[in-house]
Amino acid sequence: ATDPDLTALAVIRMPVPSDERFLDPAVMRRALLDDSFTRVGSSLDVDQMARELAEVIVPHFCNAVEVAVLESLVGADEMPGEAVDSSHLLRRLAVARDDEDEGWDAAFPTGEVLHYPPGSPYVSCLDSGDPVLEHMISAESAEEIADTWQRKPVADLLAGSSMLVLPLVARDTQLGFFVCIRKPGYRKFDPYDTEIGMEFASRAALFIDNARRYSRERATA
């Protein structure tokens, strides 16, 4: 423009073809690790922190993500960390996805307190503290999960997808996990994705732990 005082910034976002997403490790690493934590690290509200982290990992690393934390760590009533059948009791703090399918929110409602089926990848991740990689969720496995939760849409959302469960561990304390989903048609998770994801999850766990400690101390005061 001829006016020297006029400044404008135009940002044009072009969707990447599905067969090209999640291919460049350098791009994923930069998006997840270099810029994200300076942007979300100022929050000390655990729910807001979980939402902001979910919005970082989607769409740069996966198509959909769930953030779940042990209820004993975030519950106001100091509920036990295990349900009556000795499974872990968790609260879903955030869900994010890169499409307009509202089935994700209906099948995985934010704020729900639940325990996951014994023997599932979620429980294996909590028990071991290690990431769990499912290269592809079969239609039969998706149906089993849907039947366990009595939610039929879950089968359609998960069938044929690739899943990576990343543990959230801070100060030797197991907090919960990220459940990352890549839909059919996209590159499936591999060990290198697991390495990148764990770097992000390790840093994210410290931010979540700081936020939940602050929230607990504020409530006590």
Protein backbone atom coordinates (compact mmCIF):
# COMPACT_ATOMS: atom_id res chain seq x y z
CA ALA A 1 0.00 0.00 0.00
CA THR A 2 1.08 3.61 -0.51
CA ASP A 3 0.21 4.43 3.11
CA PRO A 4 3.36 3.64 5.16
CA ASP A 5 1.29 3.25 8.35
CA LEU A 6 -0.85 0.48 6.92
CA THR A 7 0.36 -3.04 7.66
CA ALA A 8 -1.49 -6.28 6.96
CA LEU A 9 -0.75 -9.96 7.32
CA ALA A 10 -2.60 -12.49 5.21
CA VAL A 11 -2.48 -16.14 6.31
CA ILE A 12 -3.56 -18.70 3.72
CA ARG A 13 -4.07 -22.24 4.99
CA MET A 14 -4.09 -25.02 2.41
CA PRO A 15 -5.23 -28.49 3.47
CA VAL A 16 -2.60 -31.15 2.94
CA PRO A 17 -3.74 -34.22 0.96
CA SER A 18 -4.42 -37.15 3.26
CA ASP A 19 -1.68 -39.28 1.73
CA GLU A 20 0.91 -36.57 2.52
CA ARG A 21 -0.03 -35.78 6.12
CA PHE A 22 2.15 -37.03 8.96
CA LEU A 23 4.98 -37.92 6.54
CA ASP A 24 7.67 -35.40 7.50
CA PRO A 25 9.04 -36.06 11.01
CA ALA A 26 10.80 -32.67 11.10
CA VAL A 27 7.52 -30.85 10.48
CA MET A 28 5.71 -32.83 13.20
CA ARG A 29 8.54 -32.36 15.68
CA ARG A 30 8.72 -28.61 15.07
CA ALA A 31 4.95 -28.17 15.41
CA LEU A 32 4.74 -30.26 18.58
CA LEU A 33 7.89 -29.27 20.44
CA ASP A 34 9.36 -25.99 19.25
CA ASP A 35 6.44 -23.56 19.37
CA SER A 36 3.59 -25.22 21.22
CA PHE A 37 4.72 -25.04 24.85
CA THR A 38 5.57 -21.35 24.76
CA ARG A 39 1.98 -20.81 23.64
CA VAL A 40 0.14 -23.02 26.14
CA GLY A 41 2.50 -22.90 29.12
CA SER A 42 0.94 -19.82 30.72
CA SER A 43 -2.27 -21.57 31.80
CA LEU A 44 -2.61 -23.00 35.31
CA ASP A 45 -6.11 -24.38 34.85
CA VAL A 46 -5.89 -28.13 34.26
CA ASP A 47 -9.00 -28.31 32.05
CA GLN A 48 -7.87 -25.41 29.87
CA MET A 49 -4.37 -26.88 29.73
CA ALA A 50 -5.73 -30.22 28.50
CA ARG A 51 -7.80 -28.51 25.79
CA GLU A 52 -4.84 -26.45 24.58
CA LEU A 53 -2.58 -29.49 24.44
CA ALA A 54 -5.24 -31.43 22.51
CA GLU A 55 -5.49 -28.59 19.99
CA VAL A 56 -1.71 -28.76 19.48
CA ILE A 57 -1.47 -32.49 18.88
CA VAL A 58 -4.42 -32.26 16.43
CA PRO A 59 -3.93 -31.69 13.52
CA HIS A 60 -0.12 -31.83 13.57
CA PHE A 61 0.25 -35.42 14.81
CA CYS A 62 -3.11 -37.20 14.50
CA ASN A 63 -6.72 -36.82 13.38
CA ALA A 64 -8.29 -37.13 16.83
CA VAL A 65 -7.07 -37.22 20.42
CA GLU A 66 -8.44 -37.82 23.89
CA VAL A 67 -6.79 -36.54 27.07
CA ALA A 68 -7.63 -38.61 30.16
CA VAL A 69 -6.27 -38.11 33.69
CA LEU A 70 -6.68 -40.20 36.84
CA GLU A 71 -9.71 -39.00 38.74
CA SER A 72 -7.83 -39.22 42.03
CA LEU A 73 -5.54 -36.43 40.79
CA VAL A 74 -8.17 -33.97 39.58
CA GLY A 75 -11.33 -34.92 41.49
CA ALA A 76 -12.47 -32.47 44.14
CA ASP A 77 -13.69 -35.25 46.41
CA GLU A 78 -10.39 -37.14 46.56
CA MET A 79 -11.94 -40.17 44.90
CA PRO A 80 -9.89 -43.37 44.86
CA GLY A 81 -7.62 -44.04 41.90
CA GLU A 82 -9.22 -47.42 41.24
CA ALA A 83 -12.80 -48.53 40.71
CA VAL A 84 -14.38 -51.39 42.64
CA ASP A 85 -13.07 -53.93 40.11
CA SER A 86 -9.49 -52.64 40.60
CA SER A 87 -9.42 -50.88 37.23
CA HIS A 88 -8.24 -47.30 36.95
CA LEU A 89 -10.82 -44.54 37.26
CA LEU A 90 -10.15 -41.65 34.88
CA ARG A 91 -11.72 -38.42 33.78
CA ARG A 92 -11.72 -37.37 30.13
CA LEU A 93 -10.53 -33.76 30.16
CA ALA A 94 -10.46 -32.98 26.45
CA VAL A 95 -11.29 -34.34 23.00
CA ALA A 96 -10.13 -32.80 19.72
CA ARG A 97 -10.58 -33.84 16.10
CA ASP A 98 -9.81 -32.38 12.67
CA ASP A 99 -13.22 -32.88 11.08
CA GLU A 100 -16.81 -31.78 11.68
CA ASP A 101 -18.02 -35.20 12.81
CA GLU A 102 -19.84 -34.55 16.09
CA GLY A 103 -19.88 -38.29 16.74
CA TRP A 104 -16.53 -37.91 18.51
CA ASP A 105 -18.04 -35.64 21.15
CA ALA A 106 -21.09 -37.87 21.51
CA ALA A 107 -19.08 -41.09 21.83
CA PHE A 108 -16.35 -39.59 24.02
CA PRO A 109 -17.97 -36.79 26.08
CA THR A 110 -15.62 -34.38 27.82
CA GLY A 111 -15.80 -34.55 31.60
CA GLU A 112 -16.94 -38.16 31.74
CA VAL A 113 -15.53 -40.26 34.59
CA LEU A 114 -15.01 -43.88 33.54
CA HIS A 115 -12.78 -46.92 33.79
CA TYR A 116 -11.47 -48.67 30.72
CA PRO A 117 -11.93 -52.39 29.99
CA PRO A 118 -9.29 -54.71 31.51
CA GLY A 119 -6.77 -55.88 28.93
CA SER A 120 -7.36 -52.85 26.70
CA PRO A 121 -4.45 -50.75 25.37
CA TYR A 122 -5.48 -47.97 27.77
CA VAL A 123 -5.07 -50.14 30.85
CA SER A 124 -1.85 -51.63 29.50
CA CYS A 125 -0.44 -48.12 29.12
CA LEU A 126 -1.39 -47.17 32.69
CA ASP A 127 -0.08 -50.40 34.20
CA SER A 128 3.26 -50.33 32.39
CA GLY A 129 3.86 -46.60 31.98
CA ASP A 130 4.93 -47.31 28.41
CA PRO A 131 3.36 -46.23 25.10
CA VAL A 132 1.08 -48.74 23.41
CA LEU A 133 0.92 -48.86 19.62
CA GLU A 134 -1.98 -50.42 17.73
CA HIS A 135 -1.13 -50.36 14.02
CA MET A 136 -4.74 -50.98 13.08
CA ILE A 137 -7.90 -51.47 15.11
CA SER A 138 -9.82 -54.32 13.51
CA ALA A 139 -13.56 -54.13 13.00
CA GLU A 140 -13.98 -56.87 15.60
CA SER A 141 -11.96 -54.96 18.21
CA ALA A 142 -13.88 -51.77 17.48
CA GLU A 143 -17.15 -53.65 17.94
CA GLU A 144 -15.94 -55.06 21.25
CA ILE A 145 -15.07 -51.60 22.52
CA ALA A 146 -18.43 -50.27 21.37
CA ASP A 147 -20.26 -53.12 23.11
CA THR A 148 -18.30 -52.62 26.33
CA TRP A 149 -19.26 -48.95 26.45
CA GLN A 150 -22.71 -49.57 24.92
CA ARG A 151 -22.03 -46.90 22.30
CA LYS A 152 -22.49 -48.07 18.73
CA PRO A 153 -20.88 -44.99 17.07
CA VAL A 154 -17.54 -45.97 18.63
CA ALA A 155 -17.21 -48.92 16.23
CA ASP A 156 -17.52 -46.69 13.14
CA LEU A 157 -15.12 -44.10 14.54
CA LEU A 158 -12.35 -46.54 15.46
CA ALA A 159 -12.59 -49.37 12.91
CA GLY A 160 -9.57 -49.45 10.61
CA SER A 161 -7.80 -46.62 12.41
CA SER A 162 -4.31 -46.60 13.92
CA MET A 163 -4.04 -45.83 17.64
CA LEU A 164 -1.16 -44.71 19.84
CA VAL A 165 -1.61 -44.40 23.60
CA LEU A 166 1.00 -42.11 25.16
CA PRO A 167 1.46 -42.17 28.96
CA LEU A 168 1.56 -38.93 30.93
CA VAL A 169 4.22 -39.35 33.64
CA ALA A 170 5.57 -36.45 35.69
CA ARG A 171 7.82 -36.61 38.73
CA ASP A 172 7.51 -40.41 38.75
CA THR A 173 3.72 -40.07 38.99
CA GLN A 174 1.38 -41.63 36.44
CA LEU A 175 -1.15 -38.94 35.52
CA GLY A 176 -3.06 -40.47 32.61
CA PHE A 177 -2.58 -40.65 28.86
CA PHE A 178 -3.13 -39.25 25.38
CA VAL A 179 -5.10 -41.49 23.01
CA CYS A 180 -4.06 -40.52 19.48
CA ILE A 181 -6.04 -41.72 16.45
CA ARG A 182 -5.16 -41.66 12.77
CA LYS A 183 -8.09 -42.47 10.56
CA PRO A 184 -8.05 -44.93 7.64
CA GLY A 185 -6.35 -43.44 4.60
CA TYR A 186 -3.58 -41.78 6.60
CA ARG A 187 -0.14 -43.13 7.41
CA LYS A 188 -0.30 -45.47 10.37
CA PHE A 189 1.69 -44.83 13.52
CA ASP A 190 5.17 -46.35 13.64
CA PRO A 191 8.01 -46.47 16.21
CA TYR A 192 9.37 -43.10 15.08
CA ASP A 193 5.96 -41.52 15.70
CA THR A 194 6.06 -43.09 19.14
CA GLU A 195 9.39 -41.40 19.83
CA ILE A 196 8.10 -37.98 18.78
CA GLY A 197 4.84 -38.51 20.66
CA MET A 198 6.66 -39.46 23.86
CA GLU A 199 8.78 -36.31 23.71
CA PHE A 200 5.59 -34.26 23.53
CA ALA A 201 3.82 -36.31 26.21
CA SER A 202 6.76 -36.03 28.63
CA ARG A 203 6.73 -32.25 28.42
CA ALA A 204 2.94 -32.07 28.45
CA ALA A 205 2.80 -34.18 31.62
CA LEU A 206 4.86 -31.60 33.51
CA PHE A 207 2.54 -28.80 32.43
CA ILE A 208 -0.55 -30.80 33.40
CA ASP A 209 1.00 -31.73 36.74
CA ASN A 210 1.85 -28.10 37.51
CA ALA A 211 -1.70 -27.05 36.63
CA ARG A 212 -3.38 -29.71 38.73
CA ARG A 213 -1.07 -28.99 41.70
CA TYR A 214 -1.93 -25.30 41.47
CA SER A 215 -5.65 -26.08 41.22
CA ARG A 216 -5.46 -28.36 44.27
CA GLU A 217 -3.55 -25.80 46.34
CA ARG A 218 -5.97 -23.04 45.34
CA ALA A 219 -8.96 -25.16 46.30
CA THR A 220 -7.32 -26.01 49.65
CA ALA A 221 -6.61 -22.34 50.36
